[in-house]
Amino acid sequence: MTVINIDIPRIIPITDIFDIMLMKLELLFDRKNLYASSNRIKILYHRVFMNQVNKSKLSLITDHESNGIVIAWPDIYKNKAYWIGLLKIYYEIIKNCLANNKHIILTVRKNSNIYNDLSEINKEINSLIAEKKMYFHLFELDYDDIWLRDQGPLMIKDKNGIYGFNIAKFNGYGERYNHEKDKNFALNFLKKYKSYNSKYLNKELRIFNDLVIEPGNLVFDEKLCIVNKIPLLRHNKFDWNIIDNILERGFRNVLNIDYRIISSQPITGDDTNGHIDNLIRLDKKDTLYYMATNDKSHPDYSVLKSLERQIIQLAVSGRNLIPIYHDSLDVIINSNASILPFSYMNYIKIGDLILMPINNNTSENKKNKIQKIFKHDNVIFIETDSLLHEKGGLHCCSMNIKHEI
């Protein structure tokens, strides 16, 4: 007798008994699935889940809808040569968010002391926090790394304006890094967050089932989401047909949003296999910004020219396509002669506030050009070279939220 082992998904959605019966009937009458693979079973459970969630008419919280961010205090890097530089970056993030009435949820590990740490750079935020205390929230949580964009949950809302979160599987970028704490960060964060937001949707959704889909590889507005195919393939064990099926149901059927796929290699130094937030950003005014170069000495000249061709072919009608040009002066090299993944596209946008990354070589002329491009927003520049040593940027280390006071 043949024994069939079926790997049922970790979370089986609560669903109607008739849906389960229909799913079993589909397996019974589809002879191909008499000895179904575990992936096939997962797809069928996922279909049932999608049918239920679709009734809620969920949508993503966009950057311009958000009013705050979550960041993780970077003291796990205290022994690094760039620790002081990281302190300066996080001070600037917190200071500028609070000064502009944007919420900061700062996660700290047990026994962390941000005030003592900031004294190392002769900075303090006590008075600003006291003045803006309704905008500053401290959560004690554990984590392996600071890249909350990818390990944190993705905020959504239902048709009644009630907020909730989608939780996606996280595996340390294809098992590349230790992620024992990070894989549980989203759920642990939600336990803390529920008591702070009275409009929180009391559900933890898994819209994309067991697909590893880091939110740093998603850029979206109300109408469209764009995803890079390469990280999806490299961080999952599913083939592309299965991945695309899950994306189709998640975006179009549940989140009621169109989506497009690009296939771009990562910029040099990026260890996420090509997260799209270094390459493309979308704006509420039907604008698509993208990383570009005309400088043949830039190490990503070929990658960015391929990206530009794909963007033109995306068929995103009515979009204003705006290149953000990079040149050889934007190439950041560390002491080991390794190129770090700098991109102006990796900015934080919270409502009408933009925290724009720059590097030591960014000229005033380039800043002026960027400010003209983003003339409808309040642009604040933050030098991010120290953050790049950990192969991420401003957008990567933050998670946008809509927080109710």
Protein backbone atom coordinates (compact mmCIF):
# COMPACT_ATOMS: atom_id res chain seq x y z
CA MET A 1 0.00 0.00 0.00
CA THR A 2 1.30 3.43 -0.91
CA VAL A 3 1.45 5.97 1.90
CA ILE A 4 1.02 9.60 0.93
CA ASN A 5 2.44 12.30 3.21
CA ILE A 6 0.70 15.63 2.78
CA ASP A 7 2.22 18.80 4.19
CA ILE A 8 -0.81 20.82 5.23
CA PRO A 9 -0.14 24.58 5.57
CA ARG A 10 0.80 25.83 9.04
CA ILE A 11 -2.32 27.96 9.20
CA ILE A 12 -5.53 26.42 7.89
CA PRO A 13 -8.03 29.24 7.42
CA ILE A 14 -11.32 29.19 9.28
CA THR A 15 -13.79 28.59 6.52
CA ASP A 16 -17.20 27.24 5.76
CA ILE A 17 -17.58 23.46 5.96
CA PHE A 18 -19.11 23.46 2.49
CA ASP A 19 -15.92 25.00 1.08
CA ILE A 20 -13.90 22.14 2.56
CA MET A 21 -16.34 19.61 1.11
CA LEU A 22 -16.10 21.19 -2.32
CA MET A 23 -12.33 21.15 -2.12
CA LYS A 24 -12.39 17.43 -1.30
CA LEU A 25 -14.73 16.83 -4.21
CA GLU A 26 -12.34 18.64 -6.52
CA LEU A 27 -9.57 16.30 -5.41
CA LEU A 28 -11.82 13.27 -5.79
CA PHE A 29 -12.93 13.99 -9.34
CA ASP A 30 -9.61 15.32 -10.58
CA ARG A 31 -7.73 12.08 -11.25
CA LYS A 32 -4.46 14.00 -11.61
CA ASN A 33 -4.67 14.76 -7.91
CA LEU A 34 -5.32 11.22 -6.69
CA TYR A 35 -1.76 11.34 -5.37
CA ALA A 36 -1.65 15.12 -4.99
CA SER A 37 1.54 16.93 -4.10
CA SER A 38 1.62 19.06 -0.98
CA ASN A 39 1.85 22.16 -3.17
CA ARG A 40 -1.45 21.26 -4.84
CA ILE A 41 -3.12 20.83 -1.44
CA LYS A 42 -1.79 24.22 -0.35
CA ILE A 43 -3.21 25.87 -3.47
CA LEU A 44 -6.64 24.39 -2.80
CA TYR A 45 -6.64 25.54 0.83
CA HIS A 46 -5.45 28.92 -0.38
CA ARG A 47 -8.34 29.13 -2.86
CA VAL A 48 -10.85 28.47 -0.09
CA PHE A 49 -9.15 31.11 2.05
CA MET A 50 -9.25 33.66 -0.76
CA ASN A 51 -12.96 33.11 -1.33
CA GLN A 52 -13.62 33.92 2.31
CA VAL A 53 -11.29 36.91 2.61
CA ASN A 54 -12.55 38.39 -0.66
CA LYS A 55 -15.84 39.19 1.03
CA SER A 56 -14.04 41.73 3.24
CA LYS A 57 -12.93 43.97 0.31
CA LEU A 58 -9.49 44.62 1.71
CA SER A 59 -6.98 47.17 0.45
CA LEU A 60 -3.37 48.07 1.16
CA ILE A 61 -2.39 51.13 3.20
CA THR A 62 -0.35 53.24 0.77
CA ASP A 63 2.56 55.49 1.70
CA HIS A 64 0.57 58.68 1.31
CA GLU A 65 -2.24 57.27 3.49
CA SER A 66 0.20 56.35 6.25
CA ASN A 67 0.98 58.65 9.15
CA GLY A 68 3.90 56.88 10.77
CA ILE A 69 6.55 54.18 10.63
CA VAL A 70 7.89 51.36 12.76
CA ILE A 71 11.68 51.08 13.16
CA ALA A 72 13.95 48.83 15.24
CA TRP A 73 16.69 50.36 17.38
CA PRO A 74 20.01 49.31 15.75
CA ASP A 75 22.04 48.54 18.89
CA ILE A 76 22.67 45.00 17.60
CA TYR A 77 25.47 46.77 15.66
CA LYS A 78 27.14 48.42 18.66
CA ASN A 79 30.39 46.62 17.97
CA LYS A 80 30.55 47.78 14.35
CA ALA A 81 32.79 50.61 13.19
CA TYR A 82 29.74 52.40 11.75
CA TRP A 83 27.70 52.32 14.99
CA ILE A 84 28.04 56.08 15.53
CA GLY A 85 26.91 56.69 11.96
CA LEU A 86 23.84 54.50 12.52
CA LEU A 87 22.98 56.47 15.66
CA LYS A 88 23.04 59.69 13.66
CA ILE A 89 20.75 58.21 10.99
CA TYR A 90 18.19 56.93 13.51
CA TYR A 91 18.29 60.21 15.40
CA GLU A 92 17.47 62.05 12.17
CA ILE A 93 14.62 59.66 11.36
CA ILE A 94 13.03 60.04 14.79
CA LYS A 95 13.61 63.78 15.04
CA ASN A 96 12.17 64.59 11.62
CA CYS A 97 9.16 62.31 11.99
CA LEU A 98 8.20 63.77 15.35
CA ALA A 99 8.83 67.34 14.20
CA ASN A 100 6.37 66.71 11.35
CA ASN A 101 3.75 65.01 13.56
CA LYS A 102 4.39 61.54 12.16
CA HIS A 103 4.15 58.54 14.45
CA ILE A 104 7.24 56.60 15.43
CA ILE A 105 6.85 53.13 16.89
CA LEU A 106 10.34 52.25 18.04
CA THR A 107 10.96 48.60 18.86
CA VAL A 108 13.77 47.97 21.34
CA ARG A 109 15.31 44.84 22.75
CA LYS A 110 15.25 44.16 26.47
CA ASN A 111 17.79 46.30 28.36
CA SER A 112 18.27 48.69 25.42
CA ASN A 113 18.63 52.34 26.39
CA ILE A 114 18.19 54.70 23.46
CA TYR A 115 18.87 57.77 25.59
CA ASN A 116 22.29 56.53 26.73
CA ASP A 117 23.10 55.49 23.19
CA LEU A 118 22.24 58.94 21.78
CA SER A 119 24.51 60.57 24.34
CA GLU A 120 27.40 59.00 22.40
CA ILE A 121 26.68 61.51 19.63
CA ASN A 122 25.78 64.35 22.02
CA LYS A 123 22.11 64.16 21.01
CA GLU A 124 18.98 63.82 23.07
CA ILE A 125 15.32 63.64 22.12
CA ASN A 126 13.75 63.76 25.58
CA SER A 127 12.34 67.26 25.13
CA LEU A 128 10.99 66.50 21.65
CA ILE A 129 9.40 63.26 22.85
CA ALA A 130 7.85 65.11 25.79
CA GLU A 131 6.42 67.70 23.39
CA LYS A 132 5.23 65.10 20.87
CA LYS A 133 4.51 62.23 23.26
CA MET A 134 1.30 61.26 21.48
CA TYR A 135 3.42 60.45 18.40
CA PHE A 136 6.15 58.38 20.08
CA HIS A 137 5.56 54.74 21.09
CA LEU A 138 8.08 52.30 22.52
CA PHE A 139 7.61 48.54 22.08
CA GLU A 140 9.89 45.99 23.71
CA LEU A 141 10.39 43.21 21.15
CA ASP A 142 13.21 40.91 20.13
CA TYR A 143 14.65 40.68 16.63
CA ASP A 144 17.68 39.41 14.73
CA ASP A 145 17.99 42.36 12.38
CA ILE A 146 16.58 45.83 11.71
CA TRP A 147 14.96 45.30 8.30
CA LEU A 148 11.36 45.66 9.42
CA ARG A 149 10.09 46.34 5.90
CA ASP A 150 10.57 42.64 5.14
CA GLN A 151 9.99 40.83 8.43
CA GLY A 152 7.18 43.07 9.66
CA PRO A 153 3.49 42.75 8.72
CA LEU A 154 1.87 44.67 5.86
CA MET A 155 -0.93 47.01 6.92
CA ILE A 156 -4.35 46.77 5.27
CA LYS A 157 -7.88 48.06 5.83
CA ASP A 158 -11.35 46.76 5.13
CA LYS A 159 -14.27 48.53 3.47
CA ASN A 160 -15.29 50.08 6.80
CA GLY A 161 -11.88 51.66 7.40
CA ILE A 162 -10.87 49.10 10.03
CA TYR A 163 -7.16 48.35 10.00
CA GLY A 164 -5.46 44.98 10.06
CA PHE A 165 -2.25 43.30 8.96
CA ASN A 166 -1.19 40.67 6.49
CA ILE A 167 1.53 38.34 7.73
CA ALA A 168 3.88 36.74 5.24
CA LYS A 169 6.38 33.96 5.77
CA PHE A 170 9.94 35.22 6.31
CA ASN A 171 12.97 33.00 5.78
CA GLY A 172 15.98 35.31 6.01
CA TYR A 173 16.13 35.99 2.25
CA GLY A 174 16.18 32.36 1.23
CA GLU A 175 17.79 31.04 4.45
CA ARG A 176 20.76 33.35 3.91
CA TYR A 177 20.69 34.87 7.41
CA ASN A 178 19.70 33.83 10.90
CA HIS A 179 16.01 34.64 11.32
CA GLU A 180 14.80 32.65 14.34
CA LYS A 181 13.46 35.81 15.98
CA ASP A 182 12.63 37.70 12.81
CA LYS A 183 10.32 34.98 11.49
CA ASN A 184 8.07 35.56 14.52
CA PHE A 185 8.49 39.34 14.64
CA ALA A 186 5.24 40.11 12.80
CA LEU A 187 3.06 38.11 15.19
CA ASN A 188 4.85 39.43 18.26
CA PHE A 189 4.45 42.97 16.98
CA LEU A 190 0.71 42.49 16.50
CA LYS A 191 0.28 41.29 20.09
CA LYS A 192 1.75 44.60 21.25
CA TYR A 193 -0.04 46.71 18.67
CA LYS A 194 -3.58 45.52 19.35
CA SER A 195 -3.76 47.41 22.64
CA TYR A 196 -2.69 50.68 20.99
CA ASN A 197 -5.09 50.99 18.07
CA SER A 198 -8.83 50.86 18.74
CA LYS A 199 -9.55 50.54 15.02
CA TYR A 200 -7.40 47.46 14.62
CA LEU A 201 -9.01 44.67 12.61
CA ASN A 202 -8.84 41.72 14.97
CA LYS A 203 -7.53 39.31 12.36
CA GLU A 204 -4.10 38.21 11.24
CA LEU A 205 -4.45 37.48 7.53
CA ARG A 206 -2.19 35.37 5.37
CA ILE A 207 -3.28 36.58 1.97
CA PHE A 208 -0.32 34.99 0.19
CA ASN A 209 -0.42 31.72 2.13
CA ASP A 210 3.09 30.23 2.60
CA LEU A 211 4.68 32.36 -0.12
CA VAL A 212 7.76 34.30 0.97
CA ILE A 213 6.87 37.75 -0.32
CA GLU A 214 8.91 40.40 1.49
CA PRO A 215 7.12 43.80 1.40
CA GLY A 216 10.42 45.41 0.37
CA ASN A 217 9.77 43.67 -2.94
CA LEU A 218 6.37 45.36 -3.34
CA VAL A 219 5.72 48.91 -4.49
CA PHE A 220 2.11 49.99 -4.80
CA ASP A 221 -0.51 52.71 -4.86
CA GLU A 222 -4.32 52.40 -4.86
CA LYS A 223 -4.40 50.97 -8.40
CA LEU A 224 -1.26 48.96 -8.99
CA CYS A 225 1.43 46.83 -7.35
CA ILE A 226 4.75 46.03 -9.05
CA VAL A 227 6.87 43.04 -7.96
CA ASN A 228 10.30 41.78 -8.97
CA LYS A 229 10.17 38.14 -10.03
CA ILE A 230 13.76 37.16 -9.16
CA PRO A 231 13.54 37.42 -5.32
CA LEU A 232 10.28 35.46 -5.41
CA LEU A 233 11.93 32.61 -7.27
CA ARG A 234 15.09 32.59 -5.19
CA HIS A 235 13.38 32.78 -1.80
CA ASN A 236 10.70 30.16 -2.50
CA LYS A 237 10.73 26.52 -3.51
CA PHE A 238 7.61 26.84 -5.68
CA ASP A 239 7.80 27.08 -9.44
CA TRP A 240 6.66 30.28 -11.13
CA ASN A 241 3.18 29.02 -12.10
CA ILE A 242 2.33 28.36 -8.46
CA ILE A 243 3.78 31.73 -7.35
CA ASP A 244 1.89 33.62 -10.04
CA ASN A 245 -1.34 31.84 -9.14
CA ILE A 246 -0.98 32.95 -5.50
CA LEU A 247 -0.15 36.52 -6.57
CA GLU A 248 -3.14 36.63 -8.90
CA ARG A 249 -5.57 35.58 -6.21
CA GLY A 250 -3.99 37.74 -3.53
CA PHE A 251 -3.74 40.99 -5.47
CA ARG A 252 -6.68 40.86 -7.86
CA ASN A 253 -9.22 38.81 -5.92
CA VAL A 254 -8.54 39.88 -2.34
CA LEU A 255 -6.82 43.26 -2.40
CA ASN A 256 -8.68 44.43 -5.52
CA ILE A 257 -5.52 45.80 -7.11
CA ASP A 258 -3.80 45.15 -10.42
CA TYR A 259 -0.21 43.93 -10.43
CA ARG A 260 2.73 43.78 -12.82
CA ILE A 261 5.90 41.69 -12.80
CA ILE A 262 9.39 42.82 -13.74
CA SER A 263 12.47 40.61 -13.83
CA SER A 264 15.50 42.62 -12.77
CA GLN A 265 18.86 41.62 -11.36
CA PRO A 266 19.77 43.39 -8.10
CA ILE A 267 21.87 46.52 -7.98
CA THR A 268 25.44 45.87 -6.88
CA GLY A 269 25.71 45.17 -3.16
CA ASP A 270 22.04 44.34 -2.67
CA ASP A 271 21.75 40.96 -0.96
CA THR A 272 17.95 40.64 -1.27
CA ASN A 273 18.29 39.33 -4.84
CA GLY A 274 16.72 42.47 -6.22
CA HIS A 275 14.08 44.03 -3.99
CA ILE A 276 12.07 46.45 -6.04
CA ASP A 277 12.22 49.32 -3.53
CA ASN A 278 15.74 50.07 -4.80
CA LEU A 279 14.46 50.23 -8.38
CA ILE A 280 10.90 51.60 -8.65
CA ARG A 281 8.47 53.67 -6.57
CA LEU A 282 4.87 54.65 -7.26
CA ASP A 283 3.18 57.92 -6.37
CA LYS A 284 -0.46 58.80 -5.79
CA LYS A 285 -0.39 61.22 -8.74
CA ASP A 286 -0.09 58.33 -11.22
CA THR A 287 3.67 58.76 -11.32
CA LEU A 288 6.25 56.00 -11.52
CA TYR A 289 9.79 56.89 -10.45
CA TYR A 290 12.66 54.57 -11.33
CA MET A 291 16.39 54.26 -10.77
CA ALA A 292 18.24 55.21 -13.95
CA THR A 293 21.69 56.07 -15.25
CA ASN A 294 23.33 57.33 -18.41
CA ASP A 295 26.78 56.91 -16.88
CA LYS A 296 28.44 53.87 -18.43
CA SER A 297 30.96 53.78 -15.57
CA HIS A 298 28.17 53.10 -13.08
CA PRO A 299 28.38 49.38 -12.10
CA ASP A 300 24.64 48.92 -12.69
CA TYR A 301 24.46 50.55 -16.10
CA SER A 302 23.29 47.37 -17.86
CA VAL A 303 20.86 46.42 -15.09
CA LEU A 304 19.25 49.86 -15.08
CA LYS A 305 18.97 50.06 -18.86
CA SER A 306 17.20 46.69 -18.82
CA LEU A 307 14.95 47.97 -16.05
CA GLU A 308 14.06 51.06 -18.10
CA ARG A 309 13.11 48.93 -21.12
CA GLN A 310 10.87 46.75 -18.94
CA ILE A 311 9.15 49.75 -17.38
CA ILE A 312 8.32 51.14 -20.81
CA GLN A 313 6.84 47.76 -21.75
CA LEU A 314 4.79 47.38 -18.54
CA ALA A 315 1.69 48.88 -20.18
CA VAL A 316 0.83 51.02 -17.17
CA SER A 317 -1.40 53.42 -19.07
CA GLY A 318 -1.60 57.02 -17.92
CA ARG A 319 1.55 56.79 -15.81
CA ASN A 320 4.08 59.57 -15.84
CA LEU A 321 7.48 57.82 -15.96
CA ILE A 322 10.23 59.82 -14.23
CA PRO A 323 13.83 58.58 -14.09
CA ILE A 324 15.95 59.45 -11.03
CA TYR A 325 19.46 59.55 -12.43
CA HIS A 326 22.47 58.06 -10.65
CA ASP A 327 26.10 58.41 -11.70
CA SER A 328 29.55 57.26 -10.62
CA LEU A 329 29.53 59.74 -7.71
CA ASP A 330 26.65 57.74 -6.23
CA VAL A 331 28.75 54.59 -6.05
CA ILE A 332 29.64 53.96 -2.40
CA ILE A 333 32.59 51.66 -1.67
CA ASN A 334 33.49 50.30 1.77
CA SER A 335 36.92 49.66 3.26
CA ASN A 336 36.99 46.19 1.70
CA ALA A 337 36.52 47.69 -1.76
CA SER A 338 32.96 46.31 -1.96
CA ILE A 339 30.25 48.38 -3.59
CA LEU A 340 27.30 49.19 -1.30
CA PRO A 341 23.69 49.28 -2.57
CA PHE A 342 22.92 53.00 -2.73
CA SER A 343 19.74 54.17 -4.47
CA TYR A 344 17.75 57.40 -4.16
CA MET A 345 14.65 55.26 -4.69
CA ASN A 346 15.00 53.76 -1.20
CA TYR A 347 13.30 56.71 0.48
CA ILE A 348 10.70 56.75 3.23
CA LYS A 349 7.40 58.43 2.37
CA ILE A 350 4.88 59.13 5.13
CA GLY A 351 1.95 61.16 3.85
CA ASP A 352 3.54 64.30 2.40
CA LEU A 353 6.89 63.77 4.17
CA ILE A 354 9.81 62.19 2.32
CA LEU A 355 13.03 61.16 4.07
CA MET A 356 15.40 60.98 1.12
CA PRO A 357 18.69 59.05 1.33
CA ILE A 358 21.81 60.79 0.14
CA ASN A 359 25.49 59.88 0.28
CA ASN A 360 28.69 61.76 1.07
CA ASN A 361 29.06 62.73 -2.58
CA THR A 362 25.52 63.99 -3.22
CA SER A 363 25.87 67.53 -4.58
CA GLU A 364 23.62 70.50 -3.90
CA ASN A 365 22.74 70.49 -7.58
CA LYS A 366 21.48 66.90 -7.31
CA LYS A 367 19.51 67.74 -4.16
CA ASN A 368 17.87 70.64 -5.97
CA LYS A 369 16.89 68.35 -8.86
CA ILE A 370 15.36 65.84 -6.46
CA GLN A 371 13.42 68.55 -4.63
CA LYS A 372 11.99 69.78 -7.94
CA ILE A 373 10.93 66.26 -8.88
CA PHE A 374 9.20 65.80 -5.50
CA LYS A 375 7.96 69.39 -5.32
CA HIS A 376 4.59 68.41 -3.83
CA ASP A 377 6.26 66.80 -0.79
CA ASN A 378 8.34 67.96 2.13
CA VAL A 379 11.74 66.44 1.30
CA ILE A 380 14.33 66.03 4.07
CA PHE A 381 17.73 64.59 3.16
CA ILE A 382 19.48 62.03 5.38
CA GLU A 383 23.01 60.79 4.71
CA THR A 384 22.82 56.97 4.87
CA ASP A 385 26.30 55.62 4.15
CA SER A 386 26.53 53.85 7.54
CA LEU A 387 23.23 52.05 6.97
CA LEU A 388 24.45 50.80 3.60
CA HIS A 389 27.20 48.80 5.32
CA GLU A 390 24.45 46.42 6.41
CA LYS A 391 23.24 46.30 2.77
CA GLY A 392 19.96 48.15 3.27
CA GLY A 393 18.53 51.66 3.19
CA LEU A 394 15.93 53.94 4.77
CA HIS A 395 12.92 52.24 3.23
CA CYS A 396 14.27 48.81 4.16
CA CYS A 397 14.59 49.62 7.86
CA SER A 398 11.09 51.09 8.21
CA MET A 399 7.51 49.83 8.05
CA ASN A 400 4.67 52.24 7.19
CA ILE A 401 1.54 52.33 9.35
CA LYS A 402 -1.69 54.24 9.76
CA HIS A 403 -1.91 54.82 13.51
CA GLU A 404 -4.97 56.15 15.29
CA ILE A 405 -4.46 58.55 18.18
